[in-house]
Amino acid sequence: MRFGRYRTVSFDGCGSLKVPDTSRNRAWLDRPAHGGYPQLELMTLVETGTRPMIGAVFGPSATGETACAKRLLHLLTPDMLVLWDKGFDGNDFITAVTGTGAQIVARLGSNRRAPILSP
């Protein structure tokens, strides 16, 4: 899908994927504080509309969505318009995304002030 000259893309994550409770999985994923199976974070960069996947990474849920999304920034290009929800509104993440040349449209919380970025 396009918006003007831009390909519209978005980060899409899921942090509730459970994996088998083995010593190997616990070594890199840890076990949730409330017990249960270790959880895996999946983060994808997808084109909006038909949702073709551009890239994906896995990691421990404890690292958070933006940490996983940062591992996909090398896939962003200046012809992309990145759409995201308020969970990705950290100043360092916004700065890193705009550093790729991609444009952003982001939903921010009502108490949030975005950084002023110069072109």
PDB file of N, CA and C in Angstrom:
ATOM      1  N   MET A   1       0.848  -1.171   0.000  1.00  0.00           N
ATOM      2  CA  MET A   1       0.000   0.000   0.000  1.00  0.00           C
ATOM      3  C   MET A   1       0.896   1.237   0.000  1.00  0.00           C
ATOM      4  N   ARG A   2       0.442   2.287  -0.611  1.00  0.00           N
ATOM      5  CA  ARG A   2       1.224   3.509  -0.713  1.00  0.00           C
ATOM      6  C   ARG A   2       0.412   4.697  -0.218  1.00  0.00           C
ATOM      7  N   PHE A   3       1.147   5.685   0.258  1.00  0.00           N
ATOM      8  CA  PHE A   3       0.572   6.982   0.588  1.00  0.00           C
ATOM      9  C   PHE A   3       1.417   7.987  -0.174  1.00  0.00           C
ATOM     10  N   GLY A   4       0.883   8.487  -1.279  1.00  0.00           N
ATOM     11  CA  GLY A   4       1.686   9.342  -2.148  1.00  0.00           C
ATOM     12  C   GLY A   4       2.865   8.551  -2.685  1.00  0.00           C
ATOM     13  N   ARG A   5       4.057   9.076  -2.502  1.00  0.00           N
ATOM     14  CA  ARG A   5       5.250   8.386  -3.004  1.00  0.00           C
ATOM     15  C   ARG A   5       5.840   7.394  -2.004  1.00  0.00           C
ATOM     16  N   TYR A   6       5.213   7.251  -0.847  1.00  0.00           N
ATOM     17  CA  TYR A   6       5.765   6.408   0.221  1.00  0.00           C
ATOM     18  C   TYR A   6       5.093   5.040   0.298  1.00  0.00           C
ATOM     19  N   ARG A   7       5.901   4.016   0.528  1.00  0.00           N
ATOM     20  CA  ARG A   7       5.395   2.691   0.903  1.00  0.00           C
ATOM     21  C   ARG A   7       5.048   2.766   2.382  1.00  0.00           C
ATOM     22  N   THR A   8       3.858   2.374   2.775  1.00  0.00           N
ATOM     23  CA  THR A   8       3.497   2.416   4.188  1.00  0.00           C
ATOM     24  C   THR A   8       3.861   1.080   4.834  1.00  0.00           C
ATOM     25  N   VAL A   9       4.596   1.175   5.931  1.00  0.00           N
ATOM     26  CA  VAL A   9       5.056  -0.007   6.655  1.00  0.00           C
ATOM     27  C   VAL A   9       4.782   0.188   8.140  1.00  0.00           C
ATOM     28  N   SER A  10       4.802  -0.899   8.887  1.00  0.00           N
ATOM     29  CA  SER A  10       4.619  -0.789  10.330  1.00  0.00           C
ATOM     30  C   SER A  10       5.342  -1.926  11.043  1.00  0.00           C
ATOM     31  N   PHE A  11       5.652  -1.661  12.303  1.00  0.00           N
ATOM     32  CA  PHE A  11       6.195  -2.687  13.174  1.00  0.00           C
ATOM     33  C   PHE A  11       5.019  -3.406  13.811  1.00  0.00           C
ATOM     34  N   ASP A  12       5.097  -4.714  13.887  1.00  0.00           N
ATOM     35  CA  ASP A  12       4.035  -5.506  14.484  1.00  0.00           C
ATOM     36  C   ASP A  12       4.684  -6.547  15.371  1.00  0.00           C
ATOM     37  N   GLY A  13       4.354  -6.525  16.663  1.00  0.00           N
ATOM     38  CA  GLY A  13       4.999  -7.428  17.598  1.00  0.00           C
ATOM     39  C   GLY A  13       4.029  -8.277  18.374  1.00  0.00           C
ATOM     40  N   CYS A  14       4.570  -9.353  18.910  1.00  0.00           N
ATOM     41  CA  CYS A  14       3.805 -10.255  19.768  1.00  0.00           C
ATOM     42  C   CYS A  14       4.769 -10.755  20.842  1.00  0.00           C
ATOM     43  N   GLY A  15       4.449 -10.492  22.094  1.00  0.00           N
ATOM     44  CA  GLY A  15       5.332 -10.902  23.184  1.00  0.00           C
ATOM     45  C   GLY A  15       4.782 -12.025  24.023  1.00  0.00           C
ATOM     46  N   SER A  16       3.793 -12.727  23.544  1.00  0.00           N
ATOM     47  CA  SER A  16       3.180 -13.775  24.358  1.00  0.00           C
ATOM     48  C   SER A  16       3.365 -15.173  23.782  1.00  0.00           C
ATOM     49  N   LEU A  17       4.354 -15.336  22.918  1.00  0.00           N
ATOM     50  CA  LEU A  17       4.618 -16.661  22.351  1.00  0.00           C
ATOM     51  C   LEU A  17       5.349 -17.516  23.375  1.00  0.00           C
ATOM     52  N   LYS A  18       4.765 -18.617  23.744  1.00  0.00           N
ATOM     53  CA  LYS A  18       5.367 -19.497  24.733  1.00  0.00           C
ATOM     54  C   LYS A  18       6.191 -20.572  24.038  1.00  0.00           C
ATOM     55  N   VAL A  19       7.318 -20.926  24.646  1.00  0.00           N
ATOM     56  CA  VAL A  19       8.193 -21.962  24.111  1.00  0.00           C
ATOM     57  C   VAL A  19       8.346 -23.049  25.166  1.00  0.00           C
ATOM     58  N   PRO A  20       8.816 -24.220  24.789  1.00  0.00           N
ATOM     59  CA  PRO A  20       8.979 -25.297  25.766  1.00  0.00           C
ATOM     60  C   PRO A  20       9.879 -24.878  26.933  1.00  0.00           C
ATOM     61  N   ASP A  21       9.540 -25.361  28.110  1.00  0.00           N
ATOM     62  CA  ASP A  21      10.278 -25.038  29.330  1.00  0.00           C
ATOM     63  C   ASP A  21      11.491 -25.953  29.457  1.00  0.00           C
ATOM     64  N   THR A  22      12.531 -25.640  28.673  1.00  0.00           N
ATOM     65  CA  THR A  22      13.770 -26.415  28.714  1.00  0.00           C
ATOM     66  C   THR A  22      14.877 -25.546  29.289  1.00  0.00           C
ATOM     67  N   SER A  23      15.931 -26.167  29.752  1.00  0.00           N
ATOM     68  CA  SER A  23      17.051 -25.395  30.310  1.00  0.00           C
ATOM     69  C   SER A  23      17.669 -24.494  29.244  1.00  0.00           C
ATOM     70  N   ARG A  24      17.721 -24.952  28.023  1.00  0.00           N
ATOM     71  CA  ARG A  24      18.283 -24.140  26.936  1.00  0.00           C
ATOM     72  C   ARG A  24      17.440 -22.885  26.699  1.00  0.00           C
ATOM     73  N   ASN A  25      16.118 -23.031  26.657  1.00  0.00           N
ATOM     74  CA  ASN A  25      15.238 -21.868  26.463  1.00  0.00           C
ATOM     75  C   ASN A  25      15.285 -20.925  27.657  1.00  0.00           C
ATOM     76  N   ARG A  26      15.315 -21.481  28.879  1.00  0.00           N
ATOM     77  CA  ARG A  26      15.395 -20.621  30.067  1.00  0.00           C
ATOM     78  C   ARG A  26      16.709 -19.845  30.103  1.00  0.00           C
ATOM     79  N   ALA A  27      17.779 -20.401  29.537  1.00  0.00           N
ATOM     80  CA  ALA A  27      19.089 -19.743  29.561  1.00  0.00           C
ATOM     81  C   ALA A  27      19.083 -18.419  28.819  1.00  0.00           C
ATOM     82  N   TRP A  28      18.299 -18.305  27.754  1.00  0.00           N
ATOM     83  CA  TRP A  28      18.304 -17.037  27.016  1.00  0.00           C
ATOM     84  C   TRP A  28      16.995 -16.284  27.103  1.00  0.00           C
ATOM     85  N   LEU A  29      15.926 -16.929  27.509  1.00  0.00           N
ATOM     86  CA  LEU A  29      14.639 -16.243  27.599  1.00  0.00           C
ATOM     87  C   LEU A  29      14.196 -15.956  29.025  1.00  0.00           C
ATOM     88  N   ASP A  30      14.748 -16.653  30.003  1.00  0.00           N
ATOM     89  CA  ASP A  30      14.294 -16.572  31.392  1.00  0.00           C
ATOM     90  C   ASP A  30      12.870 -17.097  31.496  1.00  0.00           C
ATOM     91  N   ARG A  31      12.456 -17.308  32.704  1.00  0.00           N
ATOM     92  CA  ARG A  31      11.081 -17.728  32.957  1.00  0.00           C
ATOM     93  C   ARG A  31      10.343 -16.511  33.483  1.00  0.00           C
ATOM     94  N   PRO A  32       9.102 -16.293  33.070  1.00  0.00           N
ATOM     95  CA  PRO A  32       8.354 -15.137  33.581  1.00  0.00           C
ATOM     96  C   PRO A  32       8.289 -15.148  35.109  1.00  0.00           C
ATOM     97  N   ALA A  33       8.246 -13.979  35.707  1.00  0.00           N
ATOM     98  CA  ALA A  33       8.209 -13.849  37.163  1.00  0.00           C
ATOM     99  C   ALA A  33       7.020 -14.589  37.765  1.00  0.00           C
ATOM    100  N   HIS A  34       5.922 -14.668  37.042  1.00  0.00           N
ATOM    101  CA  HIS A  34       4.728 -15.338  37.544  1.00  0.00           C
ATOM    102  C   HIS A  34       4.764 -16.839  37.280  1.00  0.00           C
ATOM    103  N   GLY A  35       5.872 -17.360  36.787  1.00  0.00           N
ATOM    104  CA  GLY A  35       5.984 -18.784  36.485  1.00  0.00           C
ATOM    105  C   GLY A  35       5.506 -19.086  35.091  1.00  0.00           C
ATOM    106  N   GLY A  36       5.389 -20.336  34.796  1.00  0.00           N
ATOM    107  CA  GLY A  36       4.913 -20.737  33.476  1.00  0.00           C
ATOM    108  C   GLY A  36       6.046 -20.905  32.495  1.00  0.00           C
ATOM    109  N   TYR A  37       5.676 -20.994  31.250  1.00  0.00           N
ATOM    110  CA  TYR A  37       6.645 -21.239  30.190  1.00  0.00           C
ATOM    111  C   TYR A  37       7.413 -19.971  29.822  1.00  0.00           C
ATOM    112  N   PRO A  38       8.668 -20.118  29.380  1.00  0.00           N
ATOM    113  CA  PRO A  38       9.396 -18.943  28.873  1.00  0.00           C
ATOM    114  C   PRO A  38       8.653 -18.341  27.683  1.00  0.00           C
ATOM    115  N   GLN A  39       8.781 -17.020  27.534  1.00  0.00           N
ATOM    116  CA  GLN A  39       8.082 -16.340  26.451  1.00  0.00           C
ATOM    117  C   GLN A  39       9.068 -15.714  25.473  1.00  0.00           C
ATOM    118  N   LEU A  40       8.657 -15.685  24.238  1.00  0.00           N
ATOM    119  CA  LEU A  40       9.464 -15.196  23.142  1.00  0.00           C
ATOM    120  C   LEU A  40       8.798 -13.961  22.554  1.00  0.00           C
ATOM    121  N   GLU A  41       9.585 -12.945  22.234  1.00  0.00           N
ATOM    122  CA  GLU A  41       9.095 -11.741  21.557  1.00  0.00           C
ATOM    123  C   GLU A  41       9.337 -11.914  20.059  1.00  0.00           C
ATOM    124  N   LEU A  42       8.311 -11.702  19.271  1.00  0.00           N
ATOM    125  CA  LEU A  42       8.426 -11.699  17.817  1.00  0.00           C
ATOM    126  C   LEU A  42       8.137 -10.284  17.350  1.00  0.00           C
ATOM    127  N   MET A  43       9.016  -9.712  16.573  1.00  0.00           N
ATOM    128  CA  MET A  43       8.802  -8.380  16.014  1.00  0.00           C
ATOM    129  C   MET A  43       8.990  -8.479  14.507  1.00  0.00           C
ATOM    130  N   THR A  44       8.024  -7.928  13.777  1.00  0.00           N
ATOM    131  CA  THR A  44       8.105  -7.938  12.327  1.00  0.00           C
ATOM    132  C   THR A  44       8.005  -6.513  11.791  1.00  0.00           C
ATOM    133  N   LEU A  45       8.559  -6.313  10.630  1.00  0.00           N
ATOM    134  CA  LEU A  45       8.362  -5.091   9.860  1.00  0.00           C
ATOM    135  C   LEU A  45       7.576  -5.539   8.636  1.00  0.00           C
ATOM    136  N   VAL A  46       6.367  -4.996   8.483  1.00  0.00           N
ATOM    137  CA  VAL A  46       5.481  -5.432   7.401  1.00  0.00           C
ATOM    138  C   VAL A  46       4.998  -4.238   6.604  1.00  0.00           C
ATOM    139  N   GLU A  47       4.695  -4.496   5.366  1.00  0.00           N
ATOM    140  CA  GLU A  47       4.065  -3.475   4.537  1.00  0.00           C
ATOM    141  C   GLU A  47       2.574  -3.504   4.847  1.00  0.00           C
ATOM    142  N   THR A  48       1.977  -2.345   5.036  1.00  0.00           N
ATOM    143  CA  THR A  48       0.558  -2.319   5.387  1.00  0.00           C
ATOM    144  C   THR A  48      -0.284  -2.684   4.171  1.00  0.00           C
ATOM    145  N   GLY A  49      -1.527  -2.975   4.408  1.00  0.00           N
ATOM    146  CA  GLY A  49      -2.425  -3.395   3.333  1.00  0.00           C
ATOM    147  C   GLY A  49      -2.435  -4.901   3.241  1.00  0.00           C
ATOM    148  N   THR A  50      -1.655  -5.445   2.317  1.00  0.00           N
ATOM    149  CA  THR A  50      -1.623  -6.896   2.134  1.00  0.00           C
ATOM    150  C   THR A  50      -0.670  -7.580   3.112  1.00  0.00           C
ATOM    151  N   ARG A  51       0.093  -6.830   3.871  1.00  0.00           N
ATOM    152  CA  ARG A  51       0.956  -7.289   4.953  1.00  0.00           C
ATOM    153  C   ARG A  51       2.115  -8.199   4.544  1.00  0.00           C
ATOM    154  N   PRO A  52       2.761  -7.984   3.403  1.00  0.00           N
ATOM    155  CA  PRO A  52       3.944  -8.801   3.126  1.00  0.00           C
ATOM    156  C   PRO A  52       5.029  -8.478   4.144  1.00  0.00           C
ATOM    157  N   MET A  53       5.712  -9.506   4.617  1.00  0.00           N
ATOM    158  CA  MET A  53       6.736  -9.332   5.632  1.00  0.00           C
ATOM    159  C   MET A  53       8.047  -8.879   5.001  1.00  0.00           C
ATOM    160  N   ILE A  54       8.615  -7.820   5.570  1.00  0.00           N
ATOM    161  CA  ILE A  54       9.895  -7.303   5.108  1.00  0.00           C
ATOM    162  C   ILE A  54      11.021  -7.918   5.929  1.00  0.00           C
ATOM    163  N   GLY A  55      10.787  -8.124   7.224  1.00  0.00           N
ATOM    164  CA  GLY A  55      11.784  -8.730   8.092  1.00  0.00           C
ATOM    165  C   GLY A  55      11.180  -9.109   9.427  1.00  0.00           C
ATOM    166  N   ALA A  56      11.870  -9.986  10.162  1.00  0.00           N
ATOM    167  CA  ALA A  56      11.399 -10.435  11.474  1.00  0.00           C
ATOM    168  C   ALA A  56      12.582 -10.772  12.360  1.00  0.00           C
ATOM    169  N   VAL A  57      12.416 -10.564  13.661  1.00  0.00           N
ATOM    170  CA  VAL A  57      13.418 -10.954  14.656  1.00  0.00           C
ATOM    171  C   VAL A  57      12.704 -11.566  15.858  1.00  0.00           C
ATOM    172  N   PHE A  58      13.433 -12.417  16.569  1.00  0.00           N
ATOM    173  CA  PHE A  58      12.954 -13.014  17.805  1.00  0.00           C
ATOM    174  C   PHE A  58      13.892 -12.613  18.927  1.00  0.00           C
ATOM    175  N   GLY A  59      13.379 -12.598  20.144  1.00  0.00           N
ATOM    176  CA  GLY A  59      14.221 -12.328  21.298  1.00  0.00           C
ATOM    177  C   GLY A  59      13.442 -12.508  22.579  1.00  0.00           C
ATOM    178  N   PRO A  60      14.104 -12.339  23.712  1.00  0.00           N
ATOM    179  CA  PRO A  60      13.425 -12.450  24.992  1.00  0.00           C
ATOM    180  C   PRO A  60      12.367 -11.363  25.151  1.00  0.00           C
ATOM    181  N   SER A  61      11.210 -11.713  25.697  1.00  0.00           N
ATOM    182  CA  SER A  61      10.135 -10.735  25.912  1.00  0.00           C
ATOM    183  C   SER A  61      10.574  -9.613  26.837  1.00  0.00           C
ATOM    184  N   ALA A  62      11.476  -9.909  27.747  1.00  0.00           N
ATOM    185  CA  ALA A  62      11.908  -8.904  28.725  1.00  0.00           C
ATOM    186  C   ALA A  62      12.611  -7.718  28.084  1.00  0.00           C
ATOM    187  N   THR A  63      13.156  -7.881  26.881  1.00  0.00           N
ATOM    188  CA  THR A  63      13.861  -6.764  26.247  1.00  0.00           C
ATOM    189  C   THR A  63      12.910  -5.703  25.721  1.00  0.00           C
ATOM    190  N   GLY A  64      11.667  -6.073  25.436  1.00  0.00           N
ATOM    191  CA  GLY A  64      10.673  -5.108  24.975  1.00  0.00           C
ATOM    192  C   GLY A  64      10.600  -4.984  23.470  1.00  0.00           C
ATOM    193  N   GLU A  65       9.492  -4.419  23.035  1.00  0.00           N
ATOM    194  CA  GLU A  65       9.219  -4.306  21.600  1.00  0.00           C
ATOM    195  C   GLU A  65      10.185  -3.379  20.881  1.00  0.00           C
ATOM    196  N   THR A  66      10.481  -2.227  21.473  1.00  0.00           N
ATOM    197  CA  THR A  66      11.342  -1.279  20.745  1.00  0.00           C
ATOM    198  C   THR A  66      12.759  -1.817  20.590  1.00  0.00           C
ATOM    199  N   ALA A  67      13.253  -2.565  21.563  1.00  0.00           N
ATOM    200  CA  ALA A  67      14.586  -3.157  21.429  1.00  0.00           C
ATOM    201  C   ALA A  67      14.616  -4.133  20.265  1.00  0.00           C
ATOM    202  N   CYS A  68      13.569  -4.923  20.132  1.00  0.00           N
ATOM    203  CA  CYS A  68      13.498  -5.842  18.985  1.00  0.00           C
ATOM    204  C   CYS A  68      13.329  -5.070  17.686  1.00  0.00           C
ATOM    205  N   ALA A  69      12.496  -4.032  17.692  1.00  0.00           N
ATOM    206  CA  ALA A  69      12.256  -3.247  16.475  1.00  0.00           C
ATOM    207  C   ALA A  69      13.542  -2.564  16.002  1.00  0.00           C
ATOM    208  N   LYS A  70      14.398  -2.157  16.926  1.00  0.00           N
ATOM    209  CA  LYS A  70      15.669  -1.523  16.533  1.00  0.00           C
ATOM    210  C   LYS A  70      16.520  -2.453  15.683  1.00  0.00           C
ATOM    211  N   ARG A  71      16.363  -3.737  15.879  1.00  0.00           N
ATOM    212  CA  ARG A  71      17.133  -4.709  15.098  1.00  0.00           C
ATOM    213  C   ARG A  71      16.644  -4.798  13.652  1.00  0.00           C
ATOM    214  N   LEU A  72      15.524  -4.145  13.343  1.00  0.00           N
ATOM    215  CA  LEU A  72      14.974  -4.141  11.989  1.00  0.00           C
ATOM    216  C   LEU A  72      15.175  -2.808  11.265  1.00  0.00           C
ATOM    217  N   LEU A  73      15.777  -1.845  11.934  1.00  0.00           N
ATOM    218  CA  LEU A  73      15.905  -0.503  11.346  1.00  0.00           C
ATOM    219  C   LEU A  73      16.711  -0.489  10.053  1.00  0.00           C
ATOM    220  N   HIS A  74      17.643  -1.413   9.901  1.00  0.00           N
ATOM    221  CA  HIS A  74      18.448  -1.448   8.677  1.00  0.00           C
ATOM    222  C   HIS A  74      17.606  -1.741   7.433  1.00  0.00           C
ATOM    223  N   LEU A  75      16.371  -2.187   7.629  1.00  0.00           N
ATOM    224  CA  LEU A  75      15.481  -2.488   6.500  1.00  0.00           C
ATOM    225  C   LEU A  75      14.671  -1.280   6.046  1.00  0.00           C
ATOM    226  N   LEU A  76      14.683  -0.203   6.835  1.00  0.00           N
ATOM    227  CA  LEU A  76      13.938   1.003   6.467  1.00  0.00           C
ATOM    228  C   LEU A  76      14.689   1.789   5.409  1.00  0.00           C
ATOM    229  N   THR A  77      13.928   2.388   4.492  1.00  0.00           N
ATOM    230  CA  THR A  77      14.520   3.188   3.421  1.00  0.00           C
ATOM    231  C   THR A  77      13.784   4.528   3.321  1.00  0.00           C
ATOM    232  N   PRO A  78      14.391   5.510   2.666  1.00  0.00           N
ATOM    233  CA  PRO A  78      13.760   6.832   2.563  1.00  0.00           C
ATOM    234  C   PRO A  78      12.414   6.858   1.839  1.00  0.00           C
ATOM    235  N   ASP A  79      12.068   5.810   1.110  1.00  0.00           N
ATOM    236  CA  ASP A  79      10.767   5.797   0.429  1.00  0.00           C
ATOM    237  C   ASP A  79       9.667   5.178   1.290  1.00  0.00           C
ATOM    238  N   MET A  80       9.930   5.004   2.598  1.00  0.00           N
ATOM    239  CA  MET A  80       8.947   4.379   3.493  1.00  0.00           C
ATOM    240  C   MET A  80       8.338   5.393   4.458  1.00  0.00           C
ATOM    241  N   LEU A  81       7.065   5.194   4.747  1.00  0.00           N
ATOM    242  CA  LEU A  81       6.343   5.932   5.776  1.00  0.00           C
ATOM    243  C   LEU A  81       5.999   4.917   6.851  1.00  0.00           C
ATOM    244  N   VAL A  82       6.604   5.080   8.031  1.00  0.00           N
ATOM    245  CA  VAL A  82       6.436   4.114   9.113  1.00  0.00           C
ATOM    246  C   VAL A  82       5.291   4.560  10.014  1.00  0.00           C
ATOM    247  N   LEU A  83       4.326   3.670  10.220  1.00  0.00           N
ATOM    248  CA  LEU A  83       3.180   3.927  11.077  1.00  0.00           C
ATOM    249  C   LEU A  83       3.357   3.115  12.355  1.00  0.00           C
ATOM    250  N   TRP A  84       3.116   3.746  13.525  1.00  0.00           N
ATOM    251  CA  TRP A  84       3.168   2.957  14.751  1.00  0.00           C
ATOM    252  C   TRP A  84       2.308   3.543  15.841  1.00  0.00           C
ATOM    253  N   ASP A  85       2.072   2.718  16.847  1.00  0.00           N
ATOM    254  CA  ASP A  85       1.243   3.064  17.982  1.00  0.00           C
ATOM    255  C   ASP A  85       2.113   3.690  19.071  1.00  0.00           C
ATOM    256  N   LYS A  86       1.495   4.137  20.154  1.00  0.00           N
ATOM    257  CA  LYS A  86       2.209   4.877  21.184  1.00  0.00           C
ATOM    258  C   LYS A  86       3.248   4.067  21.941  1.00  0.00           C
ATOM    259  N   GLY A  87       3.278   2.771  21.817  1.00  0.00           N
ATOM    260  CA  GLY A  87       4.295   1.975  22.489  1.00  0.00           C
ATOM    261  C   GLY A  87       5.698   2.187  21.946  1.00  0.00           C
ATOM    262  N   PHE A  88       5.829   2.819  20.803  1.00  0.00           N
ATOM    263  CA  PHE A  88       7.129   3.030  20.154  1.00  0.00           C
ATOM    264  C   PHE A  88       7.579   4.485  20.221  1.00  0.00           C
ATOM    265  N   ASP A  89       7.070   5.255  21.176  1.00  0.00           N
ATOM    266  CA  ASP A  89       7.277   6.702  21.143  1.00  0.00           C
ATOM    267  C   ASP A  89       8.468   7.213  21.957  1.00  0.00           C
ATOM    268  N   GLY A  90       9.434   6.361  22.245  1.00  0.00           N
ATOM    269  CA  GLY A  90      10.634   6.832  22.944  1.00  0.00           C
ATOM    270  C   GLY A  90      11.473   7.724  22.050  1.00  0.00           C
ATOM    271  N   ASN A  91      12.045   8.777  22.628  1.00  0.00           N
ATOM    272  CA  ASN A  91      12.847   9.717  21.830  1.00  0.00           C
ATOM    273  C   ASN A  91      13.980   9.037  21.091  1.00  0.00           C
ATOM    274  N   ASP A  92      14.671   8.099  21.740  1.00  0.00           N
ATOM    275  CA  ASP A  92      15.797   7.446  21.067  1.00  0.00           C
ATOM    276  C   ASP A  92      15.323   6.604  19.888  1.00  0.00           C
ATOM    277  N   PHE A  93      14.151   5.995  20.001  1.00  0.00           N
ATOM    278  CA  PHE A  93      13.629   5.192  18.900  1.00  0.00           C
ATOM    279  C   PHE A  93      13.186   6.090  17.749  1.00  0.00           C
ATOM    280  N   ILE A  94      12.502   7.173  18.047  1.00  0.00           N
ATOM    281  CA  ILE A  94      12.075   8.113  17.014  1.00  0.00           C
ATOM    282  C   ILE A  94      13.292   8.650  16.268  1.00  0.00           C
ATOM    283  N   THR A  95      14.323   9.013  17.006  1.00  0.00           N
ATOM    284  CA  THR A  95      15.544   9.534  16.396  1.00  0.00           C
ATOM    285  C   THR A  95      16.216   8.483  15.515  1.00  0.00           C
ATOM    286  N   ALA A  96      16.257   7.240  15.988  1.00  0.00           N
ATOM    287  CA  ALA A  96      16.881   6.168  15.211  1.00  0.00           C
ATOM    288  C   ALA A  96      16.122   5.910  13.911  1.00  0.00           C
ATOM    289  N   VAL A  97      14.795   5.923  13.965  1.00  0.00           N
ATOM    290  CA  VAL A  97      13.996   5.682  12.757  1.00  0.00           C
ATOM    291  C   VAL A  97      14.183   6.820  11.758  1.00  0.00           C
ATOM    292  N   THR A  98      14.106   8.054  12.218  1.00  0.00           N
ATOM    293  CA  THR A  98      14.274   9.167  11.283  1.00  0.00           C
ATOM    294  C   THR A  98      15.696   9.218  10.726  1.00  0.00           C
ATOM    295  N   GLY A  99      16.652   8.666  11.455  1.00  0.00           N
ATOM    296  CA  GLY A  99      18.021   8.584  10.955  1.00  0.00           C
ATOM    297  C   GLY A  99      18.171   7.682   9.742  1.00  0.00           C
ATOM    298  N   THR A 100      17.199   6.819   9.495  1.00  0.00           N
ATOM    299  CA  THR A 100      17.239   5.946   8.323  1.00  0.00           C
ATOM    300  C   THR A 100      16.759   6.667   7.061  1.00  0.00           C
ATOM    301  N   GLY A 101      16.166   7.844   7.238  1.00  0.00           N
ATOM    302  CA  GLY A 101      15.599   8.576   6.108  1.00  0.00           C
ATOM    303  C   GLY A 101      14.119   8.314   5.930  1.00  0.00           C
ATOM    304  N   ALA A 102      13.575   7.311   6.637  1.00  0.00           N
ATOM    305  CA  ALA A 102      12.145   7.019   6.561  1.00  0.00           C
ATOM    306  C   ALA A 102      11.365   8.122   7.277  1.00  0.00           C
ATOM    307  N   GLN A 103      10.133   8.305   6.852  1.00  0.00           N
ATOM    308  CA  GLN A 103       9.224   9.258   7.495  1.00  0.00           C
ATOM    309  C   GLN A 103       8.374   8.498   8.506  1.00  0.00           C
ATOM    310  N   ILE A 104       7.813   9.205   9.488  1.00  0.00           N
ATOM    311  CA  ILE A 104       6.988   8.522  10.484  1.00  0.00           C
ATOM    312  C   ILE A 104       5.660   9.239  10.687  1.00  0.00           C
ATOM    313  N   VAL A 105       4.655   8.450  11.022  1.00  0.00           N
ATOM    314  CA  VAL A 105       3.384   8.926  11.540  1.00  0.00           C
ATOM    315  C   VAL A 105       3.151   8.072  12.775  1.00  0.00           C
ATOM    316  N   ALA A 106       3.106   8.722  13.932  1.00  0.00           N
ATOM    317  CA  ALA A 106       3.025   7.967  15.176  1.00  0.00           C
ATOM    318  C   ALA A 106       1.902   8.484  16.064  1.00  0.00           C
ATOM    319  N   ARG A 107       1.255   7.573  16.762  1.00  0.00           N
ATOM    320  CA  ARG A 107       0.269   7.959  17.756  1.00  0.00           C
ATOM    321  C   ARG A 107       1.009   8.089  19.080  1.00  0.00           C
ATOM    322  N   LEU A 108       0.858   9.248  19.726  1.00  0.00           N
ATOM    323  CA  LEU A 108       1.516   9.507  20.996  1.00  0.00           C
ATOM    324  C   LEU A 108       0.474   9.663  22.090  1.00  0.00           C
ATOM    325  N   GLY A 109       0.862   9.344  23.321  1.00  0.00           N
ATOM    326  CA  GLY A 109      -0.013   9.569  24.453  1.00  0.00           C
ATOM    327  C   GLY A 109      -0.262  11.057  24.642  1.00  0.00           C
ATOM    328  N   SER A 110      -1.362  11.419  25.276  1.00  0.00           N
ATOM    329  CA  SER A 110      -1.729  12.830  25.418  1.00  0.00           C
ATOM    330  C   SER A 110      -0.727  13.614  26.269  1.00  0.00           C
ATOM    331  N   ASN A 111       0.044  12.938  27.100  1.00  0.00           N
ATOM    332  CA  ASN A 111       1.020  13.623  27.947  1.00  0.00           C
ATOM    333  C   ASN A 111       2.421  13.579  27.348  1.00  0.00           C
ATOM    334  N   ARG A 112       2.558  13.184  26.122  1.00  0.00           N
ATOM    335  CA  ARG A 112       3.866  12.964  25.483  1.00  0.00           C
ATOM    336  C   ARG A 112       4.243  14.130  24.601  1.00  0.00           C
ATOM    337  N   ARG A 113       5.492  14.553  24.703  1.00  0.00           N
ATOM    338  CA  ARG A 113       6.042  15.591  23.829  1.00  0.00           C
ATOM    339  C   ARG A 113       7.144  14.965  22.988  1.00  0.00           C
ATOM    340  N   ALA A 114       6.939  14.969  21.690  1.00  0.00           N
ATOM    341  CA  ALA A 114       7.927  14.379  20.784  1.00  0.00           C
ATOM    342  C   ALA A 114       9.098  15.329  20.600  1.00  0.00           C
ATOM    343  N   PRO A 115      10.280  14.784  20.322  1.00  0.00           N
ATOM    344  CA  PRO A 115      11.432  15.644  20.080  1.00  0.00           C
ATOM    345  C   PRO A 115      11.280  16.405  18.761  1.00  0.00           C
ATOM    346  N   ILE A 116      11.862  17.573  18.704  1.00  0.00           N
ATOM    347  CA  ILE A 116      11.893  18.346  17.465  1.00  0.00           C
ATOM    348  C   ILE A 116      13.121  17.861  16.687  1.00  0.00           C
ATOM    349  N   LEU A 117      12.900  17.322  15.508  1.00  0.00           N
ATOM    350  CA  LEU A 117      13.977  16.794  14.694  1.00  0.00           C
ATOM    351  C   LEU A 117      14.169  17.687  13.482  1.00  0.00           C
ATOM    352  N   SER A 118      15.406  18.028  13.218  1.00  0.00           N
ATOM    353  CA  SER A 118      15.663  18.849  12.040  1.00  0.00           C
ATOM    354  C   SER A 118      16.031  17.954  10.879  1.00  0.00           C
ATOM    355  N   PRO A 119      15.650  18.349   9.660  1.00  0.00           N
ATOM    356  CA  PRO A 119      15.920  17.516   8.481  1.00  0.00           C
ATOM    357  C   PRO A 119      17.388  17.421   8.158  1.00  0.00           C
TER     358      PRO A 119
END
